[in-house]
Amino acid sequence: MMRTIRGNIRQLGMIIILVVIALIFEFLTGGRMFVPGNITNLITQNAHVLILAIGMILVILTGRVDLSVGSLFAFTGALSGIFIVNWGLPVWLAIPAVLIVGALVGAWNGYWIAYRNIPFFVVTLAGMLIFEGLTMAVLGGRTITGFPDAFINIFAGFVPGGAGFNITAVAISLFATLVFFVMELRKRRISARFGEEMPPMSFLIVKLVLVGGVINLFGYWLAMARGMPHVLILLAVLTLIYSFITSNTVAGRHIYATGGNPKAAELSGLKTKRVVFWVYVNMGMLAALAGMVFAARATAASPRADAGFELQAIAAAFIGGASPMGGIGKVTWAVIGAMMMGILNNGMRILNMSPGVQLVIIGLVLLLVVAFDVYMKTKGSKSAKGS
């Protein structure tokens, strides 16, 4: 048990920090943090940052970042307003069109970075300026409103399940708990089959009880409010898909290898340029998706919608333990980092803190959490050398 705890001390430390921050804001807000209505706000107000963080962690795994996603986020949100409101395109056609635009922008970034060896900082900084200007140009400095209910419901709606107490939210929570149990037990069986060292069964039981309890507690809170948001289901699906890709596929191993040791990866025959190119294509597509999620929640496309979200996505990945050198990080921990950012933003908003104070606190928390992560890495390496 102690060996298992020591082997997962970094992850346990991150969870403890997340819980401590949540409890601090629960106390400071007088119990307003974890009421059912605010739990819904916590999810819907930060969904776009979580989507950006999922894409950003893949970019960071290759040893790079993307500074243009905030401007692309605003640009694609503006395009959704132009396509749907101004041009009258049907929603089922406008959504894939916006995703394609995002992927093409990502391909533009990936081409210059991967195949023309232009530093990623220069390319994505240029993209940030270009798409911020394009957003203002296509909107003419005005805000587009009047999105149809069909578009808003897709990204900002709720799963129906009855008034007062949404039974569907509880059912989805129970199903998610069952899926988690099955996946954990399957993982343990596979480890046993290959003779790998496994944590004791008591550790697994505690993990299942705690995670299952959290999932169903959130399900109960959501059922007491408006029900299960569509965007939460979208986030869960994206997290599962990208976690599976990075952990269980050849493409995922190539991403880690590209960032971990690019020269060795190239010598082994891995096409690192192709990997970098497609990672940026994926980032562009997810930025477009996040832009539509934000536009649907705000029911408007604004020329000032970016609000530094690229920095929040990068911070979420680093808070989740990603290495700026590449090759280290996980999708699930980037999501947890984004949740920590969301709790900070939501709690400070409830307390009516000024924007300046909010930025200072977020910066300090980012520095302290990453410093803790570096300390745990250093301590772990010293322990390994000593043994």
Foldseek 3Di string as FASTA:
>chain_A
DVVVCLVCVLVVVLVVVLVVLLVVLCVVLVNPCPFLVNLLVLCLVQLLLLLLLLLQLLLLQLLAGALQLLLLLLLLLLQLLCVCPVVPHDPVVSLVVSLVVLLVVLLVLLCCVLVVVDHSVVSRVVNNVVSLVVSCVVCVQDKRFDGDPVLLCQQFNADQADPQFRVVLLVVLVVVLVVVVVVVVVVVVVCVVVVHDDDDPVVVVVVSVVVSVVSNVSSRSNRNPVHHRNSVVVSVVSQVVSQCCLPPHPLNVLSLCSLVPVVVCVVVPRSSSVSSSVSSSVSSSSSSVSSSSVCSVVSMRGSPRSVSSSVLSVLLQLLLPRDSSHNDGGSVSSSSSSSSLSSLVSSCVSVVDDPVVSVVVSVVVSVVSNVVSVVSVVVVVVVVVVD
